């Protein structure tokens, strides 16, 4: 069967449906979100729902699943108002994936999976030292989505750590050179290869390769 209607989703086995629906959006960025609770307990979790919201002000957002079970990362962001987003590299994606395990709140995922913390002045949440693109954010807004009880967390970028040699003259960050990985569904990781960059599209003008 190659065509599916919404009624077919109800007949799918629970985990089959989750993987099927999660795969529909294709390759997404794989990121680790670093937080601490109000007592300084560190937390690290992998997410694939980071999206760009705007450039001025610089805003990014993450979707968190419903709080039917403890969501340590979401709770920490809500309580401390600060978090980090760290690109996952191809040389530690297995460790990053392991952070999705349900560790006790008292256990640091950094320690559990063998990744190192990195702190900078002005950002109270931990970064992943091994990541080559680190972003520090302050919480700006949490929007509860009644349709499925998820939480849209919007943060403002207040710090970025990326080496100059990965930034091109026009401001473009070369994520392929960074070794960043993508993720499809819940468990499929992809090394990224740039097809090409294209010129800004304008009516009546042919798109050119940059």
N, C-alpha and C. Protein backbone atom coordinates (compact mmCIF):
# COMPACT_ATOMS: atom_id res chain seq x y z
N UNK A 1 0.84 -1.20 0.00
CA UNK A 1 0.00 0.00 0.00
C UNK A 1 0.88 1.25 0.00
N UNK A 2 0.69 2.13 -0.99
CA UNK A 2 1.53 3.30 -1.09
C UNK A 2 0.82 4.61 -0.82
N UNK A 3 -0.51 4.57 -0.64
CA UNK A 3 -1.27 5.78 -0.37
C UNK A 3 -1.98 5.64 0.97
N UNK A 4 -1.90 6.70 1.79
CA UNK A 4 -2.45 6.63 3.14
C UNK A 4 -3.36 7.81 3.40
N UNK A 5 -4.49 7.56 4.01
CA UNK A 5 -5.39 8.62 4.48
C UNK A 5 -5.33 8.64 6.01
N UNK A 6 -5.83 9.72 6.60
CA UNK A 6 -5.73 9.88 8.06
C UNK A 6 -6.36 8.71 8.80
N UNK A 7 -7.40 8.11 8.23
CA UNK A 7 -8.04 6.97 8.90
C UNK A 7 -7.09 5.77 8.99
N UNK A 8 -6.13 5.70 8.05
CA UNK A 8 -5.16 4.59 8.08
C UNK A 8 -4.19 4.72 9.25
N UNK A 9 -3.93 5.95 9.69
CA UNK A 9 -3.01 6.15 10.80
C UNK A 9 -3.52 5.49 12.07
N UNK A 10 -4.84 5.54 12.25
CA UNK A 10 -5.45 4.98 13.47
C UNK A 10 -5.29 3.46 13.54
N UNK A 11 -5.08 2.85 12.39
CA UNK A 11 -4.95 1.39 12.35
C UNK A 11 -3.50 0.93 12.50
N UNK A 12 -2.56 1.88 12.49
CA UNK A 12 -1.15 1.53 12.62
C UNK A 12 -0.79 1.19 14.05
N UNK A 13 0.15 0.28 14.22
CA UNK A 13 0.71 0.00 15.55
C UNK A 13 1.38 1.27 16.06
N UNK A 14 1.33 1.50 17.36
CA UNK A 14 1.75 2.76 17.99
C UNK A 14 3.15 3.21 17.56
N UNK A 15 4.14 2.32 17.67
CA UNK A 15 5.52 2.71 17.38
C UNK A 15 5.76 2.81 15.87
N UNK A 16 5.04 1.99 15.09
CA UNK A 16 5.13 2.09 13.63
C UNK A 16 4.62 3.45 13.19
N UNK A 17 3.47 3.86 13.75
CA UNK A 17 2.90 5.16 13.40
C UNK A 17 3.85 6.30 13.76
N UNK A 18 4.45 6.23 14.95
CA UNK A 18 5.36 7.29 15.40
C UNK A 18 6.53 7.44 14.42
N UNK A 19 7.12 6.34 14.02
CA UNK A 19 8.26 6.40 13.10
C UNK A 19 7.83 6.86 11.71
N UNK A 20 6.67 6.41 11.27
CA UNK A 20 6.15 6.78 9.95
C UNK A 20 5.89 8.28 9.87
N UNK A 21 5.14 8.80 10.83
CA UNK A 21 4.79 10.22 10.83
C UNK A 21 6.02 11.09 11.04
N UNK A 22 6.93 10.66 11.93
CA UNK A 22 8.15 11.43 12.17
C UNK A 22 9.05 11.51 10.95
N UNK A 23 8.93 10.53 10.05
CA UNK A 23 9.78 10.51 8.86
C UNK A 23 9.26 11.42 7.75
N UNK A 24 8.02 11.85 7.83
CA UNK A 24 7.40 12.60 6.74
C UNK A 24 8.09 13.94 6.46
N UNK A 25 8.62 14.56 7.49
CA UNK A 25 9.23 15.89 7.30
C UNK A 25 10.65 15.81 6.75
N UNK A 26 11.18 14.60 6.57
CA UNK A 26 12.50 14.45 5.97
C UNK A 26 13.63 14.77 6.93
N UNK A 27 14.80 15.10 6.37
CA UNK A 27 15.99 15.33 7.18
C UNK A 27 15.89 16.65 7.94
N UNK A 28 16.13 16.57 9.24
CA UNK A 28 16.14 17.74 10.11
C UNK A 28 17.49 17.82 10.81
N UNK A 29 17.80 18.97 11.37
CA UNK A 29 19.07 19.11 12.05
C UNK A 29 19.05 18.35 13.37
N UNK A 30 20.17 17.73 13.70
CA UNK A 30 20.33 17.05 14.98
C UNK A 30 21.08 17.97 15.93
N UNK A 31 20.47 18.25 17.07
CA UNK A 31 21.07 19.17 18.04
C UNK A 31 20.97 18.63 19.45
N UNK A 32 21.93 19.01 20.27
CA UNK A 32 21.88 18.70 21.69
C UNK A 32 21.54 19.98 22.45
N UNK A 33 20.56 19.88 23.34
CA UNK A 33 20.14 21.03 24.14
C UNK A 33 20.71 20.86 25.55
N UNK A 34 21.50 21.85 25.96
CA UNK A 34 22.11 21.83 27.29
C UNK A 34 21.38 22.75 28.24
N UNK A 35 21.09 22.25 29.45
CA UNK A 35 20.41 23.04 30.47
C UNK A 35 20.93 22.67 31.85
N UNK A 36 20.57 23.49 32.82
CA UNK A 36 20.76 23.15 34.24
C UNK A 36 19.47 23.46 34.96
N UNK A 37 19.23 22.78 36.09
CA UNK A 37 18.08 23.15 36.90
C UNK A 37 18.48 24.24 37.88
N UNK A 38 17.57 24.64 38.74
CA UNK A 38 17.84 25.75 39.66
C UNK A 38 18.88 25.41 40.71
N UNK A 39 19.21 24.11 40.83
CA UNK A 39 20.25 23.68 41.77
C UNK A 39 21.58 23.41 41.06
N UNK A 40 21.65 23.68 39.76
CA UNK A 40 22.89 23.48 39.03
C UNK A 40 23.08 22.09 38.44
N UNK A 41 22.05 21.23 38.54
CA UNK A 41 22.15 19.88 37.97
C UNK A 41 22.10 19.96 36.45
N UNK A 42 23.14 19.43 35.78
CA UNK A 42 23.24 19.54 34.33
C UNK A 42 22.37 18.50 33.62
N UNK A 43 21.90 18.89 32.44
CA UNK A 43 21.04 18.01 31.64
C UNK A 43 21.40 18.20 30.17
N UNK A 44 21.29 17.13 29.40
CA UNK A 44 21.59 17.20 27.97
C UNK A 44 20.62 16.28 27.23
N UNK A 45 20.00 16.79 26.16
CA UNK A 45 19.05 15.96 25.42
C UNK A 45 19.12 16.27 23.93
N UNK A 46 18.94 15.25 23.13
CA UNK A 46 18.96 15.42 21.68
C UNK A 46 17.57 15.80 21.20
N UNK A 47 17.52 16.73 20.24
CA UNK A 47 16.25 17.15 19.65
C UNK A 47 16.42 17.27 18.14
N UNK A 48 15.32 17.12 17.43
CA UNK A 48 15.35 17.28 15.97
C UNK A 48 14.30 18.30 15.52
N UNK A 49 13.86 19.15 16.45
CA UNK A 49 12.77 20.08 16.13
C UNK A 49 13.20 21.54 16.21
N UNK A 50 14.50 21.81 16.15
CA UNK A 50 14.97 23.20 16.19
C UNK A 50 14.63 23.88 14.87
N UNK A 51 14.04 25.08 14.96
CA UNK A 51 13.69 25.83 13.76
C UNK A 51 14.10 27.29 13.91
N UNK A 52 14.38 27.92 12.78
CA UNK A 52 14.66 29.35 12.72
C UNK A 52 13.34 30.11 12.77
N UNK A 53 13.24 31.10 13.66
CA UNK A 53 12.02 31.90 13.78
C UNK A 53 12.21 33.28 13.15
N UNK A 54 13.36 33.89 13.35
CA UNK A 54 13.61 35.21 12.78
C UNK A 54 15.05 35.61 12.97
N UNK A 55 15.50 36.60 12.16
CA UNK A 55 16.89 37.04 12.23
C UNK A 55 17.07 38.33 13.02
N UNK A 56 16.04 39.13 13.14
CA UNK A 56 16.14 40.41 13.86
C UNK A 56 14.84 40.71 14.59
N UNK A 57 14.72 40.32 15.86
CA UNK A 57 15.78 39.71 16.68
C UNK A 57 16.06 38.27 16.27
N UNK A 58 17.22 37.77 16.68
CA UNK A 58 17.64 36.42 16.33
C UNK A 58 16.91 35.41 17.21
N UNK A 59 15.95 34.70 16.63
CA UNK A 59 15.10 33.79 17.39
C UNK A 59 15.15 32.38 16.83
N UNK A 60 15.18 31.40 17.74
CA UNK A 60 15.09 30.00 17.37
C UNK A 60 14.07 29.34 18.29
N UNK A 61 13.51 28.23 17.83
CA UNK A 61 12.46 27.57 18.62
C UNK A 61 12.65 26.06 18.62
N UNK A 62 12.09 25.44 19.65
CA UNK A 62 12.11 23.98 19.79
C UNK A 62 10.72 23.54 20.20
N UNK A 63 10.24 22.43 19.64
CA UNK A 63 8.98 21.83 20.07
C UNK A 63 9.29 20.73 21.08
N UNK A 64 8.61 20.77 22.22
CA UNK A 64 8.73 19.73 23.24
C UNK A 64 7.44 18.93 23.34
N UNK A 65 7.58 17.64 23.52
CA UNK A 65 6.42 16.75 23.61
C UNK A 65 5.62 17.03 24.88
N UNK A 66 4.37 16.54 24.93
CA UNK A 66 3.51 16.79 26.10
C UNK A 66 4.15 16.31 27.40
N UNK A 67 3.84 17.00 28.47
CA UNK A 67 4.42 16.68 29.77
C UNK A 67 3.65 15.56 30.47
N UNK A 68 3.47 14.45 29.75
CA UNK A 68 2.82 13.29 30.34
C UNK A 68 3.79 12.50 31.23
N UNK A 69 5.08 12.73 31.01
CA UNK A 69 6.16 12.20 31.85
C UNK A 69 7.08 13.38 32.14
N UNK A 70 7.99 13.27 33.11
CA UNK A 70 8.92 14.38 33.37
C UNK A 70 9.72 14.74 32.12
N UNK A 71 9.78 16.03 31.81
CA UNK A 71 10.56 16.54 30.69
C UNK A 71 11.62 17.48 31.27
N UNK A 72 12.75 16.91 31.66
CA UNK A 72 13.75 17.67 32.40
C UNK A 72 14.25 18.88 31.62
N UNK A 73 14.49 18.72 30.32
CA UNK A 73 15.00 19.84 29.53
C UNK A 73 14.00 20.98 29.49
N UNK A 74 12.76 20.67 29.19
CA UNK A 74 11.72 21.70 29.14
C UNK A 74 11.56 22.37 30.50
N UNK A 75 11.54 21.59 31.55
CA UNK A 75 11.36 22.14 32.89
C UNK A 75 12.51 23.07 33.25
N UNK A 76 13.73 22.68 32.89
CA UNK A 76 14.90 23.52 33.19
C UNK A 76 14.84 24.85 32.44
N UNK A 77 14.46 24.80 31.17
CA UNK A 77 14.35 26.04 30.39
C UNK A 77 13.28 26.94 30.99
N UNK A 78 12.15 26.36 31.32
CA UNK A 78 11.05 27.14 31.91
C UNK A 78 11.48 27.80 33.22
N UNK A 79 12.27 27.07 34.03
CA UNK A 79 12.62 27.57 35.36
C UNK A 79 13.81 28.52 35.35
N UNK A 80 14.81 28.25 34.50
CA UNK A 80 16.05 29.05 34.53
C UNK A 80 16.12 30.09 33.42
N UNK A 81 15.29 29.93 32.40
CA UNK A 81 15.19 30.90 31.29
C UNK A 81 16.44 30.95 30.41
N UNK A 82 17.23 29.89 30.39
CA UNK A 82 18.43 29.87 29.57
C UNK A 82 18.70 28.45 29.10
N UNK A 83 19.26 28.32 27.86
CA UNK A 83 19.59 27.00 27.35
C UNK A 83 20.59 27.14 26.21
N UNK A 84 21.19 26.04 25.82
CA UNK A 84 22.12 26.04 24.70
C UNK A 84 21.66 25.05 23.64
N UNK A 85 22.01 25.35 22.39
CA UNK A 85 21.80 24.44 21.27
C UNK A 85 23.16 24.15 20.65
N UNK A 86 23.47 22.87 20.48
CA UNK A 86 24.79 22.45 20.02
C UNK A 86 24.65 21.48 18.84
N UNK A 87 25.26 21.83 17.71
CA UNK A 87 25.21 20.93 16.55
C UNK A 87 25.86 19.59 16.89
N UNK A 88 25.22 18.51 16.45
CA UNK A 88 25.77 17.18 16.61
C UNK A 88 26.69 16.87 15.44
N UNK A 89 27.91 16.43 15.73
CA UNK A 89 28.88 16.07 14.70
C UNK A 89 28.85 14.57 14.42
N UNK A 90 29.36 14.22 13.25
CA UNK A 90 29.36 12.82 12.84
C UNK A 90 30.22 11.94 13.74
N UNK A 91 31.19 12.53 14.43
CA UNK A 91 32.06 11.70 15.27
C UNK A 91 31.53 11.48 16.69
N UNK A 92 30.35 12.05 17.02
CA UNK A 92 29.78 11.71 18.33
C UNK A 92 28.26 11.58 18.29
N UNK A 93 27.70 11.25 17.13
CA UNK A 93 26.24 11.17 17.03
C UNK A 93 25.67 10.00 17.84
N UNK A 94 26.44 8.92 18.02
CA UNK A 94 25.94 7.81 18.83
C UNK A 94 25.81 8.22 20.30
N UNK A 95 26.79 8.97 20.80
CA UNK A 95 26.69 9.48 22.16
C UNK A 95 25.51 10.44 22.29
N UNK A 96 25.33 11.27 21.26
CA UNK A 96 24.21 12.21 21.28
C UNK A 96 22.88 11.46 21.32
N UNK A 97 22.76 10.42 20.51
CA UNK A 97 21.52 9.63 20.48
C UNK A 97 21.23 9.02 21.84
N UNK A 98 22.26 8.59 22.55
CA UNK A 98 22.09 7.95 23.85
C UNK A 98 21.44 8.88 24.88
N UNK A 99 21.55 10.21 24.68
CA UNK A 99 20.94 11.14 25.63
C UNK A 99 19.42 11.07 25.61
N UNK A 100 18.84 10.40 24.61
CA UNK A 100 17.38 10.25 24.56
C UNK A 100 16.88 9.21 25.55
N UNK A 101 17.80 8.45 26.15
CA UNK A 101 17.40 7.49 27.19
C UNK A 101 16.84 8.24 28.41
N UNK A 102 15.96 7.61 29.14
CA UNK A 102 15.29 8.26 30.27
C UNK A 102 16.12 8.12 31.55
N UNK A 103 17.12 8.99 31.66
CA UNK A 103 17.94 9.00 32.86
C UNK A 103 17.21 9.72 34.00
N UNK A 104 17.57 9.37 35.22
CA UNK A 104 17.03 10.07 36.37
C UNK A 104 17.50 11.51 36.36
N UNK A 105 16.70 12.40 36.93
CA UNK A 105 17.04 13.82 36.94
C UNK A 105 18.39 14.09 37.60
N UNK A 106 18.75 13.26 38.57
CA UNK A 106 20.00 13.45 39.31
C UNK A 106 21.23 13.02 38.51
N UNK A 107 21.01 12.41 37.34
CA UNK A 107 22.12 11.92 36.52
C UNK A 107 22.36 12.87 35.36
N UNK A 108 23.59 13.35 35.22
CA UNK A 108 23.95 14.20 34.09
C UNK A 108 24.17 13.37 32.85
N UNK A 109 23.45 13.68 31.78
CA UNK A 109 23.65 12.97 30.51
C UNK A 109 25.04 13.22 29.96
N UNK A 110 25.64 14.37 30.24
CA UNK A 110 27.02 14.61 29.83
C UNK A 110 27.90 13.48 30.35
N UNK A 111 27.78 13.21 31.63
CA UNK A 111 28.59 12.17 32.26
C UNK A 111 28.19 10.79 31.78
N UNK A 112 26.89 10.57 31.62
CA UNK A 112 26.39 9.24 31.26
C UNK A 112 26.86 8.79 29.89
N UNK A 113 26.94 9.72 28.93
CA UNK A 113 27.29 9.33 27.56
C UNK A 113 28.73 9.66 27.19
N UNK A 114 29.44 10.39 28.05
CA UNK A 114 30.85 10.68 27.78
C UNK A 114 31.11 11.91 26.95
N UNK A 115 30.25 12.94 27.10
CA UNK A 115 30.50 14.22 26.46
C UNK A 115 30.89 15.25 27.51
N UNK A 116 31.62 16.28 27.10
CA UNK A 116 32.16 17.23 28.05
C UNK A 116 31.41 18.56 28.02
N UNK A 117 31.31 19.18 29.19
CA UNK A 117 30.66 20.48 29.29
C UNK A 117 31.63 21.60 28.96
N UNK A 118 31.06 22.72 28.54
CA UNK A 118 31.83 23.92 28.26
C UNK A 118 30.96 25.10 28.67
N UNK A 119 31.51 26.01 29.45
CA UNK A 119 30.76 27.18 29.91
C UNK A 119 31.44 28.44 29.42
N UNK A 120 30.64 29.47 29.15
CA UNK A 120 31.17 30.78 28.79
C UNK A 120 30.51 31.83 29.66
N UNK A 121 31.19 32.92 29.83
CA UNK A 121 30.67 34.01 30.66
C UNK A 121 29.38 34.56 30.07
N UNK A 122 28.38 34.73 30.92
CA UNK A 122 27.11 35.30 30.49
C UNK A 122 26.07 34.29 30.09
N UNK A 123 26.45 33.00 29.99
CA UNK A 123 25.49 31.95 29.66
C UNK A 123 25.57 30.90 30.76
N UNK A 124 24.51 30.77 31.52
CA UNK A 124 24.54 29.90 32.70
C UNK A 124 24.35 28.42 32.37
N UNK A 125 23.91 28.12 31.15
CA UNK A 125 23.69 26.72 30.77
C UNK A 125 24.94 26.14 30.12
N UNK A 126 25.10 24.82 30.19
CA UNK A 126 26.31 24.19 29.63
C UNK A 126 26.23 23.98 28.12
N UNK A 127 27.37 24.18 27.46
CA UNK A 127 27.53 23.83 26.06
C UNK A 127 28.20 22.46 25.96
N UNK A 128 28.13 21.87 24.77
CA UNK A 128 28.84 20.62 24.49
C UNK A 128 30.20 20.98 23.92
N UNK A 129 31.25 20.65 24.63
CA UNK A 129 32.60 21.05 24.22
C UNK A 129 32.95 20.51 22.85
N UNK A 130 32.50 19.30 22.54
CA UNK A 130 32.87 18.66 21.28
C UNK A 130 32.17 19.27 20.06
N UNK A 131 31.12 20.04 20.26
CA UNK A 131 30.39 20.63 19.15
C UNK A 131 31.17 21.81 18.56
N UNK A 132 31.09 21.96 17.24
CA UNK A 132 31.79 23.06 16.57
C UNK A 132 30.88 24.26 16.31
N UNK A 133 29.60 24.12 16.60
CA UNK A 133 28.67 25.24 16.51
C UNK A 133 27.80 25.23 17.76
N UNK A 134 28.05 26.20 18.63
CA UNK A 134 27.37 26.28 19.92
C UNK A 134 26.58 27.59 19.98
N UNK A 135 25.34 27.51 20.46
CA UNK A 135 24.45 28.66 20.51
C UNK A 135 23.87 28.79 21.90
N UNK A 136 24.02 29.97 22.50
CA UNK A 136 23.42 30.24 23.80
C UNK A 136 22.18 31.09 23.64
N UNK A 137 21.10 30.72 24.33
CA UNK A 137 19.84 31.41 24.16
C UNK A 137 19.19 31.74 25.50
N UNK A 138 18.43 32.82 25.51
CA UNK A 138 17.59 33.15 26.66
C UNK A 138 16.13 32.96 26.27
N UNK A 139 15.35 32.44 27.19
CA UNK A 139 13.95 32.16 26.92
C UNK A 139 13.19 33.46 26.68
N UNK A 140 12.41 33.50 25.60
CA UNK A 140 11.57 34.66 25.32
C UNK A 140 10.09 34.35 25.46
N UNK A 141 9.70 33.13 25.08
CA UNK A 141 8.26 32.82 25.11
C UNK A 141 8.05 31.32 25.06
N UNK A 142 7.02 30.86 25.77
CA UNK A 142 6.57 29.47 25.68
C UNK A 142 5.11 29.50 25.24
N UNK A 143 4.83 28.81 24.14
CA UNK A 143 3.47 28.78 23.61
C UNK A 143 2.95 27.35 23.72
N UNK A 144 1.88 27.17 24.50
CA UNK A 144 1.26 25.86 24.63
C UNK A 144 0.33 25.62 23.45
N UNK A 145 0.51 24.50 22.77
CA UNK A 145 -0.32 24.17 21.61
C UNK A 145 -1.42 23.20 22.05
N UNK A 146 -2.64 23.72 22.12
CA UNK A 146 -3.76 22.91 22.59
C UNK A 146 -4.04 21.72 21.69
N UNK A 147 -3.71 21.84 20.40
CA UNK A 147 -4.06 20.79 19.45
C UNK A 147 -3.46 19.44 19.81
N UNK A 148 -2.24 19.44 20.39
CA UNK A 148 -1.63 18.16 20.78
C UNK A 148 -0.87 18.25 22.10
N UNK A 149 -1.06 19.36 22.83
CA UNK A 149 -0.49 19.54 24.18
C UNK A 149 1.03 19.64 24.18
N UNK A 150 1.62 19.99 23.04
CA UNK A 150 3.07 20.21 23.00
C UNK A 150 3.39 21.65 23.38
N UNK A 151 4.69 21.92 23.59
CA UNK A 151 5.12 23.25 24.00
C UNK A 151 6.13 23.79 22.97
N UNK A 152 5.85 24.99 22.46
CA UNK A 152 6.77 25.66 21.55
C UNK A 152 7.60 26.64 22.37
N UNK A 153 8.89 26.36 22.48
CA UNK A 153 9.80 27.18 23.28
C UNK A 153 10.60 28.06 22.34
N UNK A 154 10.48 29.38 22.51
CA UNK A 154 11.19 30.33 21.65
C UNK A 154 12.29 31.01 22.45
N UNK A 155 13.50 30.97 21.93
CA UNK A 155 14.64 31.59 22.59
C UNK A 155 15.30 32.62 21.70
N UNK A 156 15.90 33.62 22.33
CA UNK A 156 16.66 34.63 21.60
C UNK A 156 18.14 34.31 21.69
N UNK A 157 18.80 34.31 20.55
CA UNK A 157 20.23 33.99 20.51
C UNK A 157 21.02 35.12 21.15
N UNK A 158 21.84 34.78 22.15
CA UNK A 158 22.67 35.79 22.81
C UNK A 158 24.15 35.48 22.70
N UNK A 159 24.50 34.31 22.15
CA UNK A 159 25.91 33.95 22.02
C UNK A 159 26.04 32.86 20.96
N UNK A 160 27.05 32.97 20.12
CA UNK A 160 27.36 31.94 19.12
C UNK A 160 28.86 31.68 19.14
N UNK A 161 29.24 30.41 19.12
CA UNK A 161 30.64 30.01 19.07
C UNK A 161 30.84 29.14 17.84
N UNK A 162 31.47 29.70 16.81
CA UNK A 162 31.81 28.96 15.60
C UNK A 162 33.06 29.59 15.01
N UNK A 163 34.00 28.75 14.62
CA UNK A 163 35.28 29.26 14.11
C UNK A 163 35.09 30.03 12.81
N UNK A 164 35.90 31.07 12.62
CA UNK A 164 35.79 31.94 11.45
C UNK A 164 35.91 31.19 10.13
N UNK A 165 36.73 30.15 10.11
CA UNK A 165 36.97 29.45 8.85
C UNK A 165 35.76 28.66 8.35
N UNK A 166 34.70 28.57 9.17
CA UNK A 166 33.47 27.93 8.74
C UNK A 166 32.43 28.95 8.27
N UNK A 167 32.76 30.23 8.35
CA UNK A 167 31.83 31.29 7.97
C UNK A 167 32.30 31.91 6.65
N UNK A 168 31.44 31.89 5.64
CA UNK A 168 31.80 32.47 4.36
C UNK A 168 31.60 33.98 4.37
N UNK A 169 32.09 34.65 3.33
CA UNK A 169 32.11 36.11 3.29
C UNK A 169 30.72 36.73 3.44
N UNK A 170 29.69 36.02 2.97
CA UNK A 170 28.33 36.57 3.02
C UNK A 170 27.59 36.18 4.30
N UNK A 171 28.29 35.53 5.25
CA UNK A 171 27.66 35.15 6.51
C UNK A 171 27.16 33.72 6.56
N UNK A 172 27.17 33.03 5.43
CA UNK A 172 26.71 31.64 5.39
C UNK A 172 27.65 30.75 6.20
N UNK A 173 27.07 29.88 7.05
CA UNK A 173 27.86 28.93 7.84
C UNK A 173 27.86 27.59 7.13
N UNK A 174 29.02 27.06 6.85
CA UNK A 174 29.17 25.82 6.10
C UNK A 174 29.02 24.63 7.04
N UNK A 175 27.80 24.14 7.17
CA UNK A 175 27.54 23.05 8.13
C UNK A 175 28.10 21.73 7.63
N UNK A 176 28.31 21.60 6.32
CA UNK A 176 28.95 20.38 5.82
C UNK A 176 30.39 20.31 6.33
N UNK A 177 31.12 21.43 6.23
CA UNK A 177 32.50 21.47 6.71
C UNK A 177 32.56 21.26 8.22
N UNK A 178 31.51 21.70 8.93
CA UNK A 178 31.46 21.51 10.38
C UNK A 178 31.33 20.03 10.77
N UNK A 179 30.84 19.22 9.84
CA UNK A 179 30.59 17.82 10.16
C UNK A 179 29.28 17.59 10.86
N UNK A 180 28.38 18.58 10.77
CA UNK A 180 27.07 18.45 11.41
C UNK A 180 26.27 17.33 10.74
N UNK A 181 25.40 16.68 11.51
CA UNK A 181 24.59 15.59 10.98
C UNK A 181 23.12 15.96 11.03
N UNK A 182 22.34 15.27 10.19
CA UNK A 182 20.90 15.41 10.21
C UNK A 182 20.26 14.13 10.71
N UNK A 183 18.95 14.20 10.97
CA UNK A 183 18.24 13.03 11.47
C UNK A 183 16.88 12.96 10.80
N UNK A 184 16.49 11.73 10.44
CA UNK A 184 15.17 11.46 9.91
C UNK A 184 14.43 10.56 10.88
N UNK A 185 13.17 10.88 11.12
CA UNK A 185 12.40 10.07 12.05
C UNK A 185 12.99 10.13 13.44
N UNK A 186 13.05 8.98 14.09
CA UNK A 186 13.51 8.92 15.48
C UNK A 186 14.93 8.38 15.63
N UNK A 187 15.47 7.77 14.56
CA UNK A 187 16.73 7.04 14.78
C UNK A 187 17.64 6.92 13.57
N UNK A 188 17.37 7.65 12.49
CA UNK A 188 18.19 7.54 11.29
C UNK A 188 19.02 8.81 11.13
N UNK A 189 20.35 8.65 11.16
CA UNK A 189 21.26 9.81 11.11
C UNK A 189 21.93 9.89 9.74
N UNK A 190 22.18 11.14 9.30
CA UNK A 190 22.70 11.37 7.96
C UNK A 190 23.89 12.32 7.99
N UNK A 191 24.95 11.96 7.29
CA UNK A 191 26.02 12.91 7.06
C UNK A 191 25.57 13.83 5.93
N UNK A 192 25.87 15.11 6.04
CA UNK A 192 25.34 16.09 5.11
C UNK A 192 26.35 16.40 4.00
N UNK A 193 25.83 16.50 2.79
CA UNK A 193 26.65 16.88 1.65
C UNK A 193 25.92 17.98 0.89
N UNK A 194 26.57 19.12 0.75
CA UNK A 194 25.95 20.24 0.06
C UNK A 194 25.82 19.95 -1.43
N UNK A 195 24.61 20.14 -1.98
CA UNK A 195 24.43 20.00 -3.41
C UNK A 195 25.03 21.20 -4.12
N UNK A 196 24.54 22.38 -3.81
CA UNK A 196 25.12 23.63 -4.30
C UNK A 196 24.38 24.78 -3.65
N UNK A 197 24.98 25.97 -3.68
CA UNK A 197 24.29 27.18 -3.25
C UNK A 197 23.78 27.90 -4.49
N UNK A 198 22.59 28.50 -4.36
CA UNK A 198 21.97 29.18 -5.49
C UNK A 198 21.79 30.66 -5.18
N UNK A 199 21.75 31.47 -6.23
CA UNK A 199 21.58 32.91 -6.08
C UNK A 199 20.19 33.25 -5.57
N UNK A 200 20.03 34.46 -5.03
CA UNK A 200 18.74 34.94 -4.55
C UNK A 200 17.76 34.99 -5.72
N UNK A 201 16.59 34.37 -5.54
CA UNK A 201 15.62 34.28 -6.62
C UNK A 201 14.87 35.59 -6.81
N UNK A 202 14.81 36.05 -8.08
CA UNK A 202 14.06 37.25 -8.43
C UNK A 202 13.24 36.97 -9.69
N UNK A 203 12.04 37.54 -9.78
CA UNK A 203 11.22 37.32 -10.97
C UNK A 203 11.96 37.72 -12.24
N UNK A 204 11.90 36.86 -13.26
CA UNK A 204 12.49 37.18 -14.54
C UNK A 204 13.98 37.00 -14.63
N UNK A 205 14.62 36.55 -13.54
CA UNK A 205 16.05 36.33 -13.57
C UNK A 205 16.36 34.85 -13.35
N UNK A 206 17.30 34.33 -14.14
CA UNK A 206 17.67 32.94 -14.01
C UNK A 206 18.47 32.70 -12.74
N UNK A 207 18.14 31.65 -12.02
CA UNK A 207 18.88 31.28 -10.83
C UNK A 207 20.25 30.76 -11.23
N UNK A 208 21.28 31.23 -10.55
CA UNK A 208 22.64 30.80 -10.86
C UNK A 208 23.28 30.12 -9.65
N UNK A 209 24.21 29.25 -9.94
CA UNK A 209 24.97 28.61 -8.87
C UNK A 209 26.01 29.60 -8.33
N UNK A 210 26.17 29.60 -7.03
CA UNK A 210 27.15 30.49 -6.41
C UNK A 210 28.52 29.80 -6.31
